[in-house]
Structure formats: structure tokens, C-alpha cells
Amino acid sequence: MKDVLNKCECAKCDLRDLFFGHVTQDELNLVCSSKTEIDFRKGEQIIEAGKPIKSFIYLKSGLVKLFKPGVANKGQIIMIAKPFDFVSLLSVFSDSNYNYSVTAIEDSTTCHLDLDEVVSMIKTNGDFAMSIMKKMSRVSDLIILENLNIRKKNIHGRVAYILLFFADQIYDAEYFELPLSRREIAEFIGKTTENVIRTLSEFRKDGIIKIFGKSIEIVDKEKLKQVAEFG
């Protein structure tokens, strides 16, 4: 079950530096007082495609996937969001309903802000509006560039890229538990599940990685980087 918290200490509120650097103390207090934090277990759905957009949401802790649902449990992962990413930015100002779904791939906590209050501040605070536009642009650029970077590679390069993404950008470690299933990795990189399983097995046989169920140990990181770059 999800736990919902409404408490917020604005003197130490992470919204001040993370999000509201350009709002007044009164505006900060208003939004902070209505902020709601919700805990999600791994596998729980946070946002469902097609549902009305009612909140401005960012990820306080954990890891989530943004994806476009498909038929027969086949979808397309748009991006992996980490703490302090804004998981509602892609639809919040362009439509009244979400165009994608969000699911926790680790135990996660989201922070929900009243959308009407955020919109009101955008209309009356130019600096704040500009900061929101910059964040939206950065998210869009990241998705476009990452997808282009992945799809110019062959299957070995794509799988190597994903392993390095989790090792360097998410866990900062050579040993970690993959938060995605083989099927989800395939959805992320645009290949089949069989392709992913076979490639991981080849990396293991070549001594690049070790596999312990869902956990991965990168043994030869330089080799993996070469595969990711030139694959």
C-alpha cells in the first residue's frame, strides 16, 4: 500500500533549491503546505496513461520508468528517472491527460504539488516560468539525444550502453542489481528479449561481466566502454 504524507518543513524544504529558486517565501509556503509525498513499492504504478493530470510530480527518492504502454504487455520505455527528476513534465502543460505511464522499478517516493498553484505562479512569475521551460527543454533534449545515441548502435553496443548507464549514472558501482528485467531492457533499447539475453551471455563468456541472477558485476569496464562506443 502507498503511504501518503503531507508534512513539509519549508525551512529545510528541498523544493527551495531544487524547484522554487525564483519564488517568494509566501509562494513557497503556499505550495509547500499543500505538498503531498507518496511512497510506492517496486512494481507499483505511479502514473497511468490516459488518466487526468492533477498534480505536478517529481521523484524524491528511488527509480522509475516512463513508458508508452503497448499491446500484449509490449511497450516502449521512454526514460529512466532518478531522484529529483520531474516525472510529469512531458505531459503536464501539453495535455489534460497523461500520454505515458510511470512505474516504480525500485521502492520510490514521489512529491506531488498542486497543479493549479504551479500554473498560477507560472502566469505571474516570469523567472519561475523560465526555469520551468528550461527544465522541460532539458528533459526533452535528454530523451532525444539518449534515444539517438542508443539506436545508432548494434545490439552489443546498446546492451553495453545500458549496463554502463546503471553503473555510472545510477549506482556509481561495478556491482549492482539490474532494476529492469531482460524484457524491459529490450523495450528500452528497441530489441527483442532474446537479443538481450544472448548478448549478456556473450559478455559473460568473454569475461566482461559476471551474472548472479538479477545482479551484474562489471569485470572489464574498459572493454565494456569500447563495446558501448564502437558497437
Protein backbone atom coordinates (compact mmCIF):
# COMPACT_ATOMS: atom_id res chain seq x y z
CA MET A 1 0.00 0.00 0.00
CA LYS A 2 1.04 3.58 -0.61
CA ASP A 3 1.80 5.83 2.35
CA VAL A 4 0.75 9.45 1.97
CA LEU A 5 2.47 12.24 3.92
CA ASN A 6 1.51 15.90 3.96
CA LYS A 7 4.20 17.27 6.26
CA CYS A 8 6.69 19.78 4.94
CA GLU A 9 9.27 21.86 6.78
CA CYS A 10 9.85 24.79 4.46
CA ALA A 11 12.97 25.96 6.26
CA LYS A 12 14.62 22.75 5.09
CA CYS A 13 12.36 22.07 2.13
CA ASP A 14 14.17 20.53 -0.82
CA LEU A 15 11.80 22.39 -3.14
CA ARG A 16 13.53 25.68 -2.41
CA ASP A 17 16.79 24.87 -4.21
CA LEU A 18 15.51 22.09 -6.43
CA PHE A 19 12.49 23.77 -7.90
CA PHE A 20 11.47 27.08 -6.40
CA GLY A 21 14.61 29.17 -6.60
CA HIS A 22 12.67 32.05 -8.13
CA VAL A 23 9.54 32.19 -6.00
CA THR A 24 8.80 34.34 -2.97
CA GLN A 25 8.66 32.97 0.57
CA ASP A 26 4.86 33.33 0.58
CA GLU A 27 4.60 31.35 -2.68
CA LEU A 28 6.95 28.73 -1.31
CA ASN A 29 4.92 28.41 1.87
CA LEU A 30 1.68 28.08 -0.11
CA VAL A 31 2.95 25.27 -2.32
CA CYS A 32 4.90 23.60 0.46
CA SER A 33 1.85 23.48 2.73
CA SER A 34 -0.10 21.50 0.12
CA LYS A 35 2.76 19.22 -0.92
CA THR A 36 1.98 15.52 -0.66
CA GLU A 37 4.57 12.74 -0.56
CA ILE A 38 3.55 9.22 -1.62
CA ASP A 39 5.55 6.04 -1.17
CA PHE A 40 5.40 3.37 -3.87
CA ARG A 41 6.69 -0.19 -3.72
CA LYS A 42 8.71 -1.63 -6.58
CA GLY A 43 6.33 -2.54 -9.40
CA GLU A 44 3.54 -0.17 -8.35
CA GLN A 45 2.11 2.21 -10.92
CA ILE A 46 2.56 5.91 -10.22
CA ILE A 47 1.01 7.38 -13.36
CA GLU A 48 -1.36 5.64 -15.79
CA ALA A 49 -1.54 6.72 -19.42
CA GLY A 50 -4.88 8.31 -20.24
CA LYS A 51 -5.63 9.41 -16.68
CA PRO A 52 -6.25 13.13 -15.92
CA ILE A 53 -3.24 15.24 -14.88
CA LYS A 54 -3.94 16.67 -11.44
CA SER A 55 -0.50 17.17 -9.90
CA PHE A 56 2.98 18.38 -10.70
CA ILE A 57 5.17 15.42 -9.70
CA TYR A 58 8.86 14.95 -9.07
CA LEU A 59 10.75 11.92 -7.81
CA LYS A 60 12.15 12.43 -4.32
CA SER A 61 13.81 9.02 -3.99
CA GLY A 62 14.01 5.71 -5.82
CA LEU A 63 13.93 4.89 -9.51
CA VAL A 64 11.05 4.84 -12.01
CA LYS A 65 10.48 4.10 -15.67
CA LEU A 66 8.45 6.28 -18.01
CA PHE A 67 6.95 4.18 -20.78
CA LYS A 68 4.36 4.08 -23.53
CA PRO A 69 2.13 1.03 -23.00
CA GLY A 70 1.67 -1.34 -25.90
CA VAL A 71 -0.36 -4.45 -26.68
CA ALA A 72 0.36 -7.89 -25.25
CA ASN A 73 2.49 -6.39 -22.46
CA LYS A 74 4.86 -4.90 -25.03
CA GLY A 75 5.66 -1.23 -24.59
CA GLN A 76 8.43 1.29 -25.17
CA ILE A 77 10.43 2.68 -22.26
CA ILE A 78 10.93 6.41 -22.78
CA MET A 79 13.42 7.07 -19.99
CA ILE A 80 14.58 6.03 -16.54
CA ALA A 81 14.02 8.79 -13.98
CA LYS A 82 16.19 9.15 -10.90
CA PRO A 83 15.74 11.28 -7.75
CA PHE A 84 14.82 14.94 -8.35
CA ASP A 85 13.70 14.28 -11.93
CA PHE A 86 10.27 15.69 -12.81
CA VAL A 87 8.27 12.68 -13.93
CA SER A 88 5.22 14.68 -15.09
CA LEU A 89 6.97 17.27 -17.28
CA LEU A 90 6.31 15.52 -20.59
CA SER A 91 2.52 15.95 -20.46
CA VAL A 92 1.71 18.38 -17.69
CA PHE A 93 1.38 21.51 -19.84
CA SER A 94 0.60 19.94 -23.21
CA ASP A 95 -2.48 17.85 -22.46
CA SER A 96 -5.15 17.27 -19.85
CA ASN A 97 -4.36 13.54 -19.67
CA TYR A 98 -1.08 11.66 -19.38
CA ASN A 99 0.35 10.31 -22.64
CA TYR A 100 2.59 7.78 -20.87
CA SER A 101 2.73 5.64 -17.74
CA VAL A 102 5.18 5.67 -14.84
CA THR A 103 6.02 2.63 -12.68
CA ALA A 104 8.42 2.28 -9.77
CA ILE A 105 11.33 -0.04 -10.58
CA GLU A 106 12.66 0.43 -7.05
CA ASP A 107 10.85 1.48 -3.87
CA SER A 108 10.25 5.17 -4.54
CA THR A 109 8.80 8.35 -3.06
CA THR A 110 7.13 10.96 -5.22
CA CYS A 111 6.33 14.55 -4.32
CA HIS A 112 3.01 15.90 -5.62
CA LEU A 113 2.38 19.63 -5.92
CA ASP A 114 -0.98 21.25 -6.61
CA LEU A 115 -1.02 21.84 -10.37
CA ASP A 116 -3.29 24.90 -10.21
CA GLU A 117 -0.90 26.62 -7.80
CA VAL A 118 2.09 25.88 -10.02
CA VAL A 119 0.26 27.18 -13.11
CA SER A 120 -0.74 30.33 -11.23
CA MET A 121 2.89 31.06 -10.33
CA ILE A 122 3.97 30.45 -13.92
CA LYS A 123 1.46 33.06 -15.09
CA THR A 124 2.60 35.68 -12.58
CA ASN A 125 6.33 34.95 -12.17
CA GLY A 126 8.43 35.24 -15.32
CA ASP A 127 11.65 33.95 -13.73
CA PHE A 128 9.86 30.90 -12.40
CA ALA A 129 8.19 30.29 -15.78
CA MET A 130 11.60 30.47 -17.48
CA SER A 131 13.08 27.95 -15.03
CA ILE A 132 10.24 25.53 -15.79
CA MET A 133 10.77 25.97 -19.54
CA LYS A 134 14.48 25.23 -19.14
CA LYS A 135 13.75 22.06 -17.18
CA MET A 136 11.26 20.90 -19.79
CA SER A 137 13.77 21.56 -22.56
CA ARG A 138 16.48 19.63 -20.75
CA VAL A 139 14.18 16.64 -20.29
CA SER A 140 13.20 16.68 -23.97
CA ASP A 141 16.82 17.04 -25.08
CA LEU A 142 17.91 14.18 -22.83
CA ILE A 143 15.27 11.82 -24.21
CA ILE A 144 16.01 12.72 -27.84
CA LEU A 145 19.80 12.52 -27.52
CA GLU A 146 19.74 9.32 -25.50
CA ASN A 147 17.42 7.60 -27.96
CA LEU A 148 19.54 8.71 -30.91
CA ASN A 149 22.69 7.55 -29.16
CA ILE A 150 21.22 4.13 -28.35
CA ARG A 151 19.69 3.48 -31.76
CA LYS A 152 22.83 4.17 -33.75
CA LYS A 153 24.49 1.19 -32.04
CA ASN A 154 24.22 -2.53 -32.73
CA ILE A 155 22.78 -4.89 -30.12
CA HIS A 156 26.14 -5.31 -28.30
CA GLY A 157 26.64 -1.56 -28.11
CA ARG A 158 23.12 -0.98 -26.84
CA VAL A 159 23.33 -3.54 -24.04
CA ALA A 160 26.79 -2.26 -23.05
CA TYR A 161 25.43 1.30 -23.01
CA ILE A 162 22.61 0.32 -20.64
CA LEU A 163 24.94 -1.54 -18.27
CA LEU A 164 27.22 1.50 -18.10
CA PHE A 165 24.22 3.78 -17.62
CA PHE A 166 23.23 1.91 -14.46
CA ALA A 167 26.83 1.50 -13.26
CA ASP A 168 27.87 5.13 -13.73
CA GLN A 169 24.73 7.28 -13.62
CA ILE A 170 22.53 5.38 -11.18
CA TYR A 171 24.53 3.24 -8.76
CA ASP A 172 28.11 4.50 -9.09
CA ALA A 173 29.29 0.91 -8.69
CA GLU A 174 30.56 -2.01 -10.77
CA TYR A 175 28.32 -4.45 -8.89
CA PHE A 176 24.58 -3.78 -8.80
CA GLU A 177 21.20 -5.38 -9.18
CA LEU A 178 19.57 -4.61 -12.51
CA PRO A 179 16.27 -2.85 -11.75
CA LEU A 180 14.92 -3.84 -15.17
CA SER A 181 14.04 -7.30 -16.40
CA ARG A 182 15.56 -8.58 -19.63
CA ARG A 183 12.25 -7.78 -21.34
CA GLU A 184 12.30 -4.21 -20.03
CA ILE A 185 15.89 -3.72 -21.21
CA ALA A 186 14.74 -4.88 -24.63
CA GLU A 187 11.90 -2.32 -24.54
CA PHE A 188 14.39 0.38 -23.58
CA ILE A 189 16.86 -0.32 -26.39
CA GLY A 190 14.42 -1.38 -29.10
CA LYS A 191 15.49 -5.02 -29.44
CA THR A 192 14.00 -8.40 -28.55
CA THR A 193 14.28 -10.07 -25.17
CA GLU A 194 16.14 -12.95 -26.81
CA ASN A 195 18.71 -10.49 -28.22
CA VAL A 196 19.34 -9.09 -24.75
CA ILE A 197 19.67 -12.50 -23.08
CA ARG A 198 22.07 -13.72 -25.77
CA THR A 199 24.21 -10.57 -25.61
CA LEU A 200 24.50 -10.70 -21.81
CA SER A 201 25.53 -14.35 -22.11
CA GLU A 202 28.21 -13.41 -24.68
CA PHE A 203 29.53 -10.64 -22.39
CA ARG A 204 29.74 -13.21 -19.58
CA LYS A 205 31.59 -15.74 -21.75
CA ASP A 206 34.02 -13.03 -22.88
CA GLY A 207 34.82 -12.18 -19.26
CA ILE A 208 33.38 -8.65 -19.49
CA ILE A 209 30.72 -9.20 -16.83
CA LYS A 210 29.60 -11.73 -14.26
CA ILE A 211 25.92 -12.53 -13.82
CA PHE A 212 24.36 -13.53 -10.50
CA GLY A 213 20.65 -13.82 -11.20
CA LYS A 214 19.44 -10.21 -11.38
CA SER A 215 22.80 -8.82 -10.28
CA ILE A 216 25.62 -7.77 -12.58
CA GLU A 217 29.31 -7.32 -11.87
CA ILE A 218 31.31 -5.42 -14.47
CA VAL A 219 34.68 -7.16 -14.59
CA ASP A 220 36.29 -5.42 -17.58
CA LYS A 221 34.87 -1.91 -17.68
CA GLU A 222 37.28 -0.62 -20.33
CA LYS A 223 36.23 -3.39 -22.68
CA LEU A 224 32.58 -2.66 -21.97
CA LYS A 225 33.16 1.02 -22.74
CA GLN A 226 34.77 0.08 -26.06
CA VAL A 227 31.78 -2.05 -26.96
CA ALA A 228 29.38 0.73 -25.98
CA GLU A 229 31.29 3.31 -28.02
CA PHE A 230 32.01 1.33 -31.17
CA GLY A 231 29.28 -1.30 -31.08
